PDB file of N, CA and C in Angstrom:
ATOM      1  N   MET A   1      -5.619   3.321  -1.301  1.00  0.00           N
ATOM      2  CA  MET A   1      -4.333   3.417  -2.008  1.00  0.00           C
ATOM      3  C   MET A   1      -4.245   2.200  -3.055  1.00  0.00           C
ATOM      4  N   GLU A   2      -3.799   2.723  -4.190  1.00  0.00           N
ATOM      5  CA  GLU A   2      -3.721   1.885  -5.385  1.00  0.00           C
ATOM      6  C   GLU A   2      -2.771   0.889  -5.334  1.00  0.00           C
ATOM      7  N   LEU A   3      -2.010   1.053  -4.260  1.00  0.00           N
ATOM      8  CA  LEU A   3      -0.563  -0.087  -4.361  1.00  0.00           C
ATOM      9  C   LEU A   3      -1.310  -1.441  -3.397  1.00  0.00           C
ATOM     10  N   LEU A   4      -2.552  -1.018  -2.719  1.00  0.00           N
ATOM     11  CA  LEU A   4      -2.902  -2.285  -2.186  1.00  0.00           C
ATOM     12  C   LEU A   4      -4.426  -2.681  -2.744  1.00  0.00           C
ATOM     13  N   ALA A   5      -4.708  -2.700  -3.799  1.00  0.00           N
ATOM     14  CA  ALA A   5      -5.648  -2.971  -4.837  1.00  0.00           C
ATOM     15  C   ALA A   5      -5.530  -4.281  -5.272  1.00  0.00           C
ATOM     16  N   ASN A   6      -4.447  -4.979  -5.520  1.00  0.00           N
ATOM     17  CA  ASN A   6      -4.150  -6.166  -5.758  1.00  0.00           C
ATOM     18  C   ASN A   6      -3.825  -7.304  -5.023  1.00  0.00           C
ATOM     19  N   GLN A   7      -4.339  -8.157  -4.813  1.00  0.00           N
ATOM     20  CA  GLN A   7      -4.255  -9.083  -3.587  1.00  0.00           C
ATOM     21  C   GLN A   7      -3.077  -9.594  -3.605  1.00  0.00           C
ATOM     22  N   ARG A   8      -2.169 -10.082  -4.883  1.00  0.00           N
ATOM     23  CA  ARG A   8      -0.968 -10.600  -4.556  1.00  0.00           C
ATOM     24  C   ARG A   8      -0.014  -9.610  -4.361  1.00  0.00           C
ATOM     25  N   ARG A   9      -0.299  -8.330  -4.537  1.00  0.00           N
ATOM     26  CA  ARG A   9       0.640  -7.100  -3.913  1.00  0.00           C
ATOM     27  C   ARG A   9       0.490  -7.260  -2.359  1.00  0.00           C
ATOM     28  N   ARG A  10      -0.756  -7.097  -2.179  1.00  0.00           N
ATOM     29  CA  ARG A  10      -0.863  -6.992  -0.717  1.00  0.00           C
ATOM     30  C   ARG A  10      -0.395  -7.856  -0.112  1.00  0.00           C
ATOM     31  N   PHE A  11      -0.512  -9.380  -0.527  1.00  0.00           N
ATOM     32  CA  PHE A  11       0.387 -10.430  -0.050  1.00  0.00           C
ATOM     33  C   PHE A  11       1.876 -10.541   0.165  1.00  0.00           C
ATOM     34  N   THR A  12       2.181  -9.941  -0.752  1.00  0.00           N
ATOM     35  CA  THR A  12       3.727  -9.165  -0.640  1.00  0.00           C
ATOM     36  C   THR A  12       3.876  -8.239   0.145  1.00  0.00           C
ATOM     37  N   LEU A  13       3.533  -7.386   0.255  1.00  0.00           N
ATOM     38  CA  LEU A  13       3.530  -6.520   1.181  1.00  0.00           C
ATOM     39  C   LEU A  13       3.345  -7.052   2.670  1.00  0.00           C
ATOM     40  N   TYR A  14       2.350  -7.926   2.911  1.00  0.00           N
ATOM     41  CA  TYR A  14       2.270  -8.650   4.233  1.00  0.00           C
ATOM     42  C   TYR A  14       3.454  -9.413   4.703  1.00  0.00           C
ATOM     43  N   SER A  15       4.112 -10.107   3.436  1.00  0.00           N
ATOM     44  CA  SER A  15       5.351 -10.957   3.771  1.00  0.00           C
ATOM     45  C   SER A  15       6.489  -9.938   4.278  1.00  0.00           C
ATOM     46  N   LEU A  16       6.333  -8.757   3.520  1.00  0.00           N
ATOM     47  CA  LEU A  16       7.684  -7.895   3.783  1.00  0.00           C
ATOM     48  C   LEU A  16       7.324  -7.367   5.080  1.00  0.00           C
ATOM     49  N   LEU A  17       5.922  -7.058   5.462  1.00  0.00           N
ATOM     50  CA  LEU A  17       5.795  -6.511   6.779  1.00  0.00           C
ATOM     51  C   LEU A  17       6.451  -7.248   8.152  1.00  0.00           C
ATOM     52  N   ASP A  18       6.285  -8.722   7.834  1.00  0.00           N
ATOM     53  CA  ASP A  18       6.338  -9.870   8.599  1.00  0.00           C
ATOM     54  C   ASP A  18       8.172 -10.443   8.663  1.00  0.00           C
ATOM     55  N   SER A  19       8.687  -9.756   7.611  1.00  0.00           N
ATOM     56  CA  SER A  19      10.043 -10.269   7.712  1.00  0.00           C
ATOM     57  C   SER A  19      10.580  -9.532   8.777  1.00  0.00           C
ATOM     58  N   ASP A  20      11.846 -10.409   9.634  1.00  0.00           N
ATOM     59  CA  ASP A  20      12.448  -9.965  10.585  1.00  0.00           C
ATOM     60  C   ASP A  20      13.379  -8.681  10.748  1.00  0.00           C
ATOM     61  N   ASN A  21      13.708  -8.411   9.151  1.00  0.00           N
ATOM     62  CA  ASN A  21      14.692  -7.361   9.011  1.00  0.00           C
ATOM     63  C   ASN A  21      14.269  -6.773   7.592  1.00  0.00           C
ATOM     64  N   ASP A  22      14.850  -5.504   6.961  1.00  0.00           N
ATOM     65  CA  ASP A  22      14.573  -5.338   5.897  1.00  0.00           C
ATOM     66  C   ASP A  22      14.815  -5.995   4.693  1.00  0.00           C
ATOM     67  N   LEU A  23      15.337  -6.939   4.740  1.00  0.00           N
ATOM     68  CA  LEU A  23      15.915  -7.731   3.412  1.00  0.00           C
ATOM     69  C   LEU A  23      15.105  -8.986   3.430  1.00  0.00           C
ATOM     70  N   ILE A  24      14.803  -9.354   2.179  1.00  0.00           N
ATOM     71  CA  ILE A  24      14.054 -10.673   2.183  1.00  0.00           C
ATOM     72  C   ILE A  24      14.449 -11.292   0.962  1.00  0.00           C
ATOM     73  N   GLU A  25      14.767 -12.577   0.735  1.00  0.00           N
ATOM     74  CA  GLU A  25      15.217 -13.136  -0.333  1.00  0.00           C
ATOM     75  C   GLU A  25      14.121 -13.429  -1.085  1.00  0.00           C
ATOM     76  N   LEU A  26      14.220 -13.072  -2.848  1.00  0.00           N
ATOM     77  CA  LEU A  26      13.106 -13.402  -3.546  1.00  0.00           C
ATOM     78  C   LEU A  26      12.493 -14.788  -3.452  1.00  0.00           C
ATOM     79  N   GLU A  27      13.234 -15.728  -3.405  1.00  0.00           N
ATOM     80  CA  GLU A  27      12.633 -17.031  -3.185  1.00  0.00           C
ATOM     81  C   GLU A  27      11.347 -17.116  -1.848  1.00  0.00           C
ATOM     82  N   THR A  28      12.152 -16.412  -0.725  1.00  0.00           N
ATOM     83  CA  THR A  28      11.245 -16.493   0.263  1.00  0.00           C
ATOM     84  C   THR A  28       9.789 -15.956   0.201  1.00  0.00           C
ATOM     85  N   LEU A  29       9.944 -14.735  -0.608  1.00  0.00           N
ATOM     86  CA  LEU A  29       9.084 -13.772  -0.735  1.00  0.00           C
ATOM     87  C   LEU A  29       7.587 -14.679  -1.614  1.00  0.00           C
ATOM     88  N   ILE A  30       8.324 -15.145  -2.705  1.00  0.00           N
ATOM     89  CA  ILE A  30       7.545 -16.073  -4.045  1.00  0.00           C
ATOM     90  C   ILE A  30       6.694 -17.064  -2.783  1.00  0.00           C
ATOM     91  N   GLU A  31       7.718 -17.934  -2.071  1.00  0.00           N
ATOM     92  CA  GLU A  31       6.857 -18.960  -1.386  1.00  0.00           C
ATOM     93  C   GLU A  31       5.961 -18.255  -0.335  1.00  0.00           C
ATOM     94  N   ASP A  32       6.240 -17.177   0.148  1.00  0.00           N
ATOM     95  CA  ASP A  32       5.372 -16.721   1.302  1.00  0.00           C
ATOM     96  C   ASP A  32       3.944 -16.331   0.579  1.00  0.00           C
ATOM     97  N   VAL A  33       4.310 -15.809  -0.689  1.00  0.00           N
ATOM     98  CA  VAL A  33       2.951 -15.202  -1.202  1.00  0.00           C
ATOM     99  C   VAL A  33       2.462 -16.260  -1.839  1.00  0.00           C
ATOM    100  N   ALA A  34       2.848 -17.042  -2.581  1.00  0.00           N
ATOM    101  CA  ALA A  34       2.041 -18.577  -3.016  1.00  0.00           C
ATOM    102  C   ALA A  34       1.432 -19.275  -1.908  1.00  0.00           C
ATOM    103  N   THR A  35       2.166 -19.488  -0.726  1.00  0.00           N
ATOM    104  CA  THR A  35       1.446 -20.005   0.481  1.00  0.00           C
ATOM    105  C   THR A  35      -0.070 -19.389   0.806  1.00  0.00           C
ATOM    106  N   LEU A  36       0.221 -18.024   0.990  1.00  0.00           N
ATOM    107  CA  LEU A  36      -0.650 -17.295   1.089  1.00  0.00           C
ATOM    108  C   LEU A  36      -1.844 -17.650   0.410  1.00  0.00           C
ATOM    109  N   GLU A  37      -1.922 -17.174  -0.754  1.00  0.00           N
ATOM    110  CA  GLU A  37      -2.801 -17.468  -2.010  1.00  0.00           C
ATOM    111  C   GLU A  37      -3.493 -18.943  -2.043  1.00  0.00           C
ATOM    112  N   ALA A  38      -2.716 -19.871  -1.894  1.00  0.00           N
ATOM    113  CA  ALA A  38      -3.370 -21.077  -1.689  1.00  0.00           C
ATOM    114  C   ALA A  38      -4.206 -21.663  -0.384  1.00  0.00           C
ATOM    115  N   ALA A  39      -3.689 -20.788   0.700  1.00  0.00           N
ATOM    116  CA  ALA A  39      -4.416 -20.998   2.033  1.00  0.00           C
ATOM    117  C   ALA A  39      -5.840 -20.288   1.567  1.00  0.00           C
ATOM    118  N   VAL A  40      -5.960 -18.875   1.289  1.00  0.00           N
ATOM    119  CA  VAL A  40      -7.062 -18.361   0.937  1.00  0.00           C
ATOM    120  C   VAL A  40      -7.794 -18.965   0.064  1.00  0.00           C
ATOM    121  N   ALA A  41      -7.456 -19.202  -1.165  1.00  0.00           N
ATOM    122  CA  ALA A  41      -8.455 -19.828  -1.747  1.00  0.00           C
ATOM    123  C   ALA A  41      -8.686 -21.367  -1.490  1.00  0.00           C
ATOM    124  N   ASP A  42      -7.885 -21.839  -0.719  1.00  0.00           N
ATOM    125  CA  ASP A  42      -8.123 -23.212  -0.289  1.00  0.00           C
ATOM    126  C   ASP A  42      -7.756 -24.207  -1.444  1.00  0.00           C
ATOM    127  N   HIS A  43      -6.486 -24.019  -2.020  1.00  0.00           N
ATOM    128  CA  HIS A  43      -6.077 -24.805  -3.077  1.00  0.00           C
ATOM    129  C   HIS A  43      -4.564 -25.367  -2.541  1.00  0.00           C
ATOM    130  N   VAL A  44      -4.361 -26.405  -3.366  1.00  0.00           N
ATOM    131  CA  VAL A  44      -2.798 -26.894  -3.243  1.00  0.00           C
ATOM    132  C   VAL A  44      -1.795 -26.193  -3.785  1.00  0.00           C
ATOM    133  N   LEU A  45      -0.908 -25.998  -3.439  1.00  0.00           N
ATOM    134  CA  LEU A  45       0.340 -24.976  -3.946  1.00  0.00           C
ATOM    135  C   LEU A  45       1.033 -25.907  -5.038  1.00  0.00           C
ATOM    136  N   THR A  46       0.757 -25.638  -6.043  1.00  0.00           N
ATOM    137  CA  THR A  46       1.439 -26.585  -6.948  1.00  0.00           C
ATOM    138  C   THR A  46       2.668 -25.764  -7.782  1.00  0.00           C
ATOM    139  N   ARG A  47       3.323 -26.494  -8.458  1.00  0.00           N
ATOM    140  CA  ARG A  47       4.288 -26.442  -9.149  1.00  0.00           C
ATOM    141  C   ARG A  47       4.290 -24.682 -10.188  1.00  0.00           C
ATOM    142  N   GLU A  48       3.160 -24.970 -10.667  1.00  0.00           N
ATOM    143  CA  GLU A  48       2.608 -24.176 -11.582  1.00  0.00           C
ATOM    144  C   GLU A  48       1.942 -23.161 -11.120  1.00  0.00           C
ATOM    145  N   ARG A  49       1.256 -23.163  -9.973  1.00  0.00           N
ATOM    146  CA  ARG A  49       1.174 -21.625  -9.069  1.00  0.00           C
ATOM    147  C   ARG A  49       2.305 -20.850  -8.855  1.00  0.00           C
ATOM    148  N   TYR A  50       3.085 -21.688  -8.273  1.00  0.00           N
ATOM    149  CA  TYR A  50       4.639 -21.220  -7.694  1.00  0.00           C
ATOM    150  C   TYR A  50       5.059 -20.367  -8.822  1.00  0.00           C
ATOM    151  N   ARG A  51       5.175 -20.748 -10.069  1.00  0.00           N
ATOM    152  CA  ARG A  51       6.081 -20.268 -11.211  1.00  0.00           C
ATOM    153  C   ARG A  51       5.066 -19.151 -11.620  1.00  0.00           C
ATOM    154  N   ASP A  52       3.833 -18.964 -11.575  1.00  0.00           N
ATOM    155  CA  ASP A  52       3.144 -18.259 -11.736  1.00  0.00           C
ATOM    156  C   ASP A  52       3.046 -16.870 -10.837  1.00  0.00           C
ATOM    157  N   VAL A  53       3.400 -16.831  -9.704  1.00  0.00           N
ATOM    158  CA  VAL A  53       3.448 -16.024  -8.819  1.00  0.00           C
ATOM    159  C   VAL A  53       4.785 -15.481  -8.603  1.00  0.00           C
ATOM    160  N   ALA A  54       6.039 -16.352  -8.823  1.00  0.00           N
ATOM    161  CA  ALA A  54       7.260 -15.704  -9.105  1.00  0.00           C
ATOM    162  C   ALA A  54       7.464 -15.044 -10.482  1.00  0.00           C
ATOM    163  N   ALA A  55       6.756 -15.395 -11.632  1.00  0.00           N
ATOM    164  CA  ALA A  55       6.929 -14.196 -12.796  1.00  0.00           C
ATOM    165  C   ALA A  55       6.195 -12.975 -12.593  1.00  0.00           C
ATOM    166  N   ASP A  56       4.779 -13.204 -11.787  1.00  0.00           N
ATOM    167  CA  ASP A  56       4.020 -12.335 -11.872  1.00  0.00           C
ATOM    168  C   ASP A  56       4.769 -11.268 -10.818  1.00  0.00           C
ATOM    169  N   LEU A  57       5.351 -11.823  -9.728  1.00  0.00           N
ATOM    170  CA  LEU A  57       6.134 -10.685  -8.588  1.00  0.00           C
ATOM    171  C   LEU A  57       7.378  -9.844  -9.535  1.00  0.00           C
ATOM    172  N   TYR A  58       8.000 -10.835 -10.298  1.00  0.00           N
ATOM    173  CA  TYR A  58       9.168 -10.208 -11.000  1.00  0.00           C
ATOM    174  C   TYR A  58       8.847  -9.456 -11.900  1.00  0.00           C
ATOM    175  N   GLN A  59       8.076  -9.495 -12.726  1.00  0.00           N
ATOM    176  CA  GLN A  59       7.581  -8.831 -14.010  1.00  0.00           C
ATOM    177  C   GLN A  59       6.620  -7.642 -13.647  1.00  0.00           C
ATOM    178  N   TRP A  60       5.967  -7.726 -12.889  1.00  0.00           N
ATOM    179  CA  TRP A  60       4.822  -6.819 -12.440  1.00  0.00           C
ATOM    180  C   TRP A  60       4.696  -6.249 -11.024  1.00  0.00           C
ATOM    181  N   HIS A  61       4.731  -6.784  -9.903  1.00  0.00           N
ATOM    182  CA  HIS A  61       4.495  -6.283  -8.657  1.00  0.00           C
ATOM    183  C   HIS A  61       6.097  -5.699  -7.969  1.00  0.00           C
ATOM    184  N   LEU A  62       6.975  -6.316  -8.108  1.00  0.00           N
ATOM    185  CA  LEU A  62       8.156  -5.652  -7.752  1.00  0.00           C
ATOM    186  C   LEU A  62       8.698  -4.569  -8.032  1.00  0.00           C
ATOM    187  N   PRO A  63       8.654  -4.308  -9.795  1.00  0.00           N
ATOM    188  CA  PRO A  63       8.817  -3.053 -10.214  1.00  0.00           C
ATOM    189  C   PRO A  63       7.742  -2.180  -9.760  1.00  0.00           C
ATOM    190  N   VAL A  64       6.536  -2.397  -9.585  1.00  0.00           N
ATOM    191  CA  VAL A  64       5.589  -1.180  -9.127  1.00  0.00           C
ATOM    192  C   VAL A  64       5.949  -0.770  -7.818  1.00  0.00           C
ATOM    193  N   LEU A  65       6.329  -1.780  -6.968  1.00  0.00           N
ATOM    194  CA  LEU A  65       6.698  -1.189  -5.783  1.00  0.00           C
ATOM    195  C   LEU A  65       7.879  -0.402  -5.649  1.00  0.00           C
ATOM    196  N   ALA A  66       8.796  -0.672  -6.549  1.00  0.00           N
ATOM    197  CA  ALA A  66      10.299  -0.319  -6.353  1.00  0.00           C
ATOM    198  C   ALA A  66       9.871   1.213  -7.205  1.00  0.00           C
ATOM    199  N   ASP A  67       9.123   1.341  -8.095  1.00  0.00           N
ATOM    200  CA  ASP A  67       8.790   2.564  -8.607  1.00  0.00           C
ATOM    201  C   ASP A  67       8.555   3.637  -7.682  1.00  0.00           C
ATOM    202  N   VAL A  68       7.775   3.063  -6.783  1.00  0.00           N
ATOM    203  CA  VAL A  68       7.064   4.250  -5.954  1.00  0.00           C
ATOM    204  C   VAL A  68       8.175   4.584  -4.529  1.00  0.00           C
ATOM    205  N   GLY A  69       8.989   3.762  -4.848  1.00  0.00           N
ATOM    206  CA  GLY A  69      10.071   3.700  -3.423  1.00  0.00           C
ATOM    207  C   GLY A  69       9.716   3.059  -2.060  1.00  0.00           C
ATOM    208  N   VAL A  70       8.641   1.724  -2.294  1.00  0.00           N
ATOM    209  CA  VAL A  70       8.505   0.879  -1.219  1.00  0.00           C
ATOM    210  C   VAL A  70       9.723  -0.078  -1.017  1.00  0.00           C
ATOM    211  N   ILE A  71      10.349  -0.721  -2.238  1.00  0.00           N
ATOM    212  CA  ILE A  71      11.328  -1.350  -2.261  1.00  0.00           C
ATOM    213  C   ILE A  71      12.023  -1.070  -3.178  1.00  0.00           C
ATOM    214  N   ASP A  72      13.583  -2.026  -2.955  1.00  0.00           N
ATOM    215  CA  ASP A  72      14.432  -1.618  -3.792  1.00  0.00           C
ATOM    216  C   ASP A  72      14.933  -3.313  -4.089  1.00  0.00           C
ATOM    217  N   TYR A  73      14.755  -3.550  -5.354  1.00  0.00           N
ATOM    218  CA  TYR A  73      15.185  -4.614  -5.695  1.00  0.00           C
ATOM    219  C   TYR A  73      16.405  -5.157  -6.561  1.00  0.00           C
ATOM    220  N   ASP A  74      17.291  -6.015  -5.713  1.00  0.00           N
ATOM    221  CA  ASP A  74      18.563  -6.314  -6.153  1.00  0.00           C
ATOM    222  C   ASP A  74      18.765  -7.551  -6.916  1.00  0.00           C
ATOM    223  N   SER A  75      18.757  -7.556  -8.483  1.00  0.00           N
ATOM    224  CA  SER A  75      18.528  -8.508  -9.321  1.00  0.00           C
ATOM    225  C   SER A  75      19.312  -9.468  -9.393  1.00  0.00           C
ATOM    226  N   ARG A  76      20.876  -8.724  -8.996  1.00  0.00           N
ATOM    227  CA  ARG A  76      21.715  -9.916  -9.113  1.00  0.00           C
ATOM    228  C   ARG A  76      21.936 -10.935  -7.776  1.00  0.00           C
ATOM    229  N   HIS A  77      21.278 -10.278  -6.716  1.00  0.00           N
ATOM    230  CA  HIS A  77      21.493 -11.280  -5.518  1.00  0.00           C
ATOM    231  C   HIS A  77      19.972 -11.715  -5.190  1.00  0.00           C
ATOM    232  N   ASP A  78      18.972 -11.389  -5.896  1.00  0.00           N
ATOM    233  CA  ASP A  78      17.591 -11.906  -5.684  1.00  0.00           C
ATOM    234  C   ASP A  78      17.203 -11.188  -4.040  1.00  0.00           C
ATOM    235  N   LEU A  79      17.691 -10.215  -3.886  1.00  0.00           N
ATOM    236  CA  LEU A  79      17.015  -9.696  -2.671  1.00  0.00           C
ATOM    237  C   LEU A  79      16.246  -8.395  -2.547  1.00  0.00           C
ATOM    238  N   ILE A  80      15.117  -8.368  -1.696  1.00  0.00           N
ATOM    239  CA  ILE A  80      14.278  -7.047  -1.893  1.00  0.00           C
ATOM    240  C   ILE A  80      14.556  -6.436  -0.356  1.00  0.00           C
ATOM    241  N   ARG A  81      14.746  -5.051  -0.689  1.00  0.00           N
ATOM    242  CA  ARG A  81      14.992  -4.419   0.650  1.00  0.00           C
ATOM    243  C   ARG A  81      13.554  -3.510   0.655  1.00  0.00           C
ATOM    244  N   TYR A  82      13.171  -3.581   2.027  1.00  0.00           N
ATOM    245  CA  TYR A  82      11.423  -2.657   2.012  1.00  0.00           C
ATOM    246  C   TYR A  82      12.075  -1.711   3.080  1.00  0.00           C
ATOM    247  N   PHE A  83      11.564  -0.617   2.574  1.00  0.00           N
ATOM    248  CA  PHE A  83      11.725   0.420   3.265  1.00  0.00           C
ATOM    249  C   PHE A  83      10.193   1.067   3.987  1.00  0.00           C
ATOM    250  N   GLY A  84      10.502   0.973   5.388  1.00  0.00           N
ATOM    251  CA  GLY A  84       9.034   0.970   6.034  1.00  0.00           C
ATOM    252  C   GLY A  84       8.290   2.477   5.704  1.00  0.00           C
ATOM    253  N   HIS A  85       7.303   2.344   5.328  1.00  0.00           N
ATOM    254  CA  HIS A  85       6.156   3.661   5.141  1.00  0.00           C
ATOM    255  C   HIS A  85       5.025   3.422   6.211  1.00  0.00           C
ATOM    256  N   SER A  86       5.025   4.471   6.872  1.00  0.00           N
ATOM    257  CA  SER A  86       4.095   4.312   8.065  1.00  0.00           C
ATOM    258  C   SER A  86       2.705   4.244   7.386  1.00  0.00           C
ATOM    259  N   LEU A  87       1.932   5.092   6.859  1.00  0.00           N
ATOM    260  CA  LEU A  87       0.837   5.009   6.027  1.00  0.00           C
ATOM    261  C   LEU A  87       0.678   3.582   5.723  1.00  0.00           C
ATOM    262  N   LEU A  88       1.162   3.424   4.645  1.00  0.00           N
ATOM    263  CA  LEU A  88       1.394   2.034   3.935  1.00  0.00           C
ATOM    264  C   LEU A  88       1.025   0.902   5.125  1.00  0.00           C
ATOM    265  N   HIS A  89       1.933   0.846   6.065  1.00  0.00           N
ATOM    266  CA  HIS A  89       2.210  -0.107   7.243  1.00  0.00           C
ATOM    267  C   HIS A  89       0.913  -0.203   7.814  1.00  0.00           C
ATOM    268  N   LYS A  90       0.281   0.850   8.145  1.00  0.00           N
ATOM    269  CA  LYS A  90      -0.568   1.139   8.971  1.00  0.00           C
ATOM    270  C   LYS A  90      -2.356   0.287   8.040  1.00  0.00           C
ATOM    271  N   ARG A  91      -2.122   0.941   6.945  1.00  0.00           N
ATOM    272  CA  ARG A  91      -3.217   0.508   6.033  1.00  0.00           C
ATOM    273  C   ARG A  91      -3.196  -1.288   5.840  1.00  0.00           C
ATOM    274  N   ALA A  92      -1.966  -1.461   5.303  1.00  0.00           N
ATOM    275  CA  ALA A  92      -1.989  -2.827   5.034  1.00  0.00           C
ATOM    276  C   ALA A  92      -2.005  -3.740   6.415  1.00  0.00           C
ATOM    277  N   THR A  93      -1.784  -3.269   7.571  1.00  0.00           N
ATOM    278  CA  THR A  93      -1.871  -4.194   8.632  1.00  0.00           C
ATOM    279  C   THR A  93      -3.649  -4.322   8.923  1.00  0.00           C
ATOM    280  N   CYS A  94      -4.361  -3.193   8.747  1.00  0.00           N
ATOM    281  CA  CYS A  94      -5.867  -3.188   8.857  1.00  0.00           C
ATOM    282  C   CYS A  94      -6.148  -3.952   7.941  1.00  0.00           C
ATOM    283  N   LEU A  95      -5.879  -4.004   6.503  1.00  0.00           N
ATOM    284  CA  LEU A  95      -6.666  -4.775   5.308  1.00  0.00           C
ATOM    285  C   LEU A  95      -6.178  -6.561   5.680  1.00  0.00           C
ATOM    286  N   ARG A  96      -4.998  -6.562   6.371  1.00  0.00           N
ATOM    287  CA  ARG A  96      -4.759  -7.855   6.531  1.00  0.00           C
ATOM    288  C   ARG A  96      -5.606  -8.455   7.592  1.00  0.00           C
ATOM    289  N   GLU A  97      -5.863  -7.737   8.631  1.00  0.00           N
ATOM    290  CA  GLU A  97      -7.108  -8.148   9.575  1.00  0.00           C
ATOM    291  C   GLU A  97      -8.094  -8.540   9.115  1.00  0.00           C
ATOM    292  N   ASP A  98      -8.677  -7.747   8.154  1.00  0.00           N
ATOM    293  CA  ASP A  98      -9.855  -7.979   7.362  1.00  0.00           C
ATOM    294  C   ASP A  98      -9.675  -9.072   6.658  1.00  0.00           C
ATOM    295  N   GLU A  99      -8.890  -9.232   5.781  1.00  0.00           N
ATOM    296  CA  GLU A  99      -8.678 -10.405   4.790  1.00  0.00           C
ATOM    297  C   GLU A  99      -8.120 -11.731   5.625  1.00  0.00           C
ATOM    298  N   LEU A 100      -7.280 -11.654   6.409  1.00  0.00           N
ATOM    299  CA  LEU A 100      -6.736 -12.870   6.804  1.00  0.00           C
ATOM    300  C   LEU A 100      -7.238 -12.608   8.437  1.00  0.00           C
ATOM    301  N   PRO A 101      -8.256 -12.917   8.746  1.00  0.00           N
ATOM    302  CA  PRO A 101      -8.763 -12.782  10.249  1.00  0.00           C
ATOM    303  C   PRO A 101      -8.075 -14.121  11.188  1.00  0.00           C
ATOM    304  N   GLU A 102      -7.864 -14.927  10.350  1.00  0.00           N
ATOM    305  CA  GLU A 102      -7.436 -16.061  11.269  1.00  0.00           C
ATOM    306  C   GLU A 102      -6.160 -15.925  11.825  1.00  0.00           C
ATOM    307  N   TYR A 103      -5.399 -15.086  11.262  1.00  0.00           N
ATOM    308  CA  TYR A 103      -3.898 -14.871  11.694  1.00  0.00           C
ATOM    309  C   TYR A 103      -3.776 -13.739  12.305  1.00  0.00           C
ATOM    310  N   GLY A 104      -4.613 -12.760  12.839  1.00  0.00           N
ATOM    311  CA  GLY A 104      -4.638 -11.742  13.574  1.00  0.00           C
ATOM    312  C   GLY A 104      -3.510 -10.568  13.383  1.00  0.00           C
ATOM    313  N   THR A 105      -3.174 -10.120  14.314  1.00  0.00           N
ATOM    314  CA  THR A 105      -2.458  -8.855  14.146  1.00  0.00           C
ATOM    315  C   THR A 105      -1.138  -9.104  14.757  1.00  0.00           C
ATOM    316  N   THR A 106      -0.880 -10.306  15.474  1.00  0.00           N
ATOM    317  CA  THR A 106       0.439 -10.607  16.240  1.00  0.00           C
ATOM    318  C   THR A 106       1.083 -11.844  15.576  1.00  0.00           C
ATOM    319  N   SER A 107       0.281 -12.887  15.006  1.00  0.00           N
ATOM    320  CA  SER A 107       0.830 -13.998  14.401  1.00  0.00           C
ATOM    321  C   SER A 107       1.027 -13.823  12.818  1.00  0.00           C
ATOM    322  N   SER A 108       1.949 -14.804  12.216  1.00  0.00           N
ATOM    323  CA  SER A 108       2.031 -14.643  10.884  1.00  0.00           C
ATOM    324  C   SER A 108       1.831 -16.245  10.270  1.00  0.00           C
ATOM    325  N   PRO A 109       1.053 -16.233   9.009  1.00  0.00           N
ATOM    326  CA  PRO A 109       1.003 -17.393   8.301  1.00  0.00           C
ATOM    327  C   PRO A 109       2.150 -17.954   7.593  1.00  0.00           C
ATOM    328  N   LEU A 110       3.095 -16.831   7.811  1.00  0.00           N
ATOM    329  CA  LEU A 110       4.456 -17.133   7.222  1.00  0.00           C
ATOM    330  C   LEU A 110       5.561 -17.754   7.895  1.00  0.00           C
TER     331      LEU A 110
END
């Protein structure tokens, strides 16, 4: 699945999958993705990295996910609605287990 080819987009999906409901605030999503990236790369989460994640999600990854119908982004309220997709969910879950084994299948780093 091409949607899962990019690490930042995978981390975005992991965060959406872990959300308690189908809505997540953009700021929360940015924090989740930036935190995952910093943990995996063993880097400190800097303001610059946070801004880079924010810009990349807003300009690239959220539009891609919206174009294929995985999410709806409400830019007026900075809310993302995730529409569950069983195959995508299953594949992302398997990838997360391989990519982030320290978090397992039931716990979340977020």
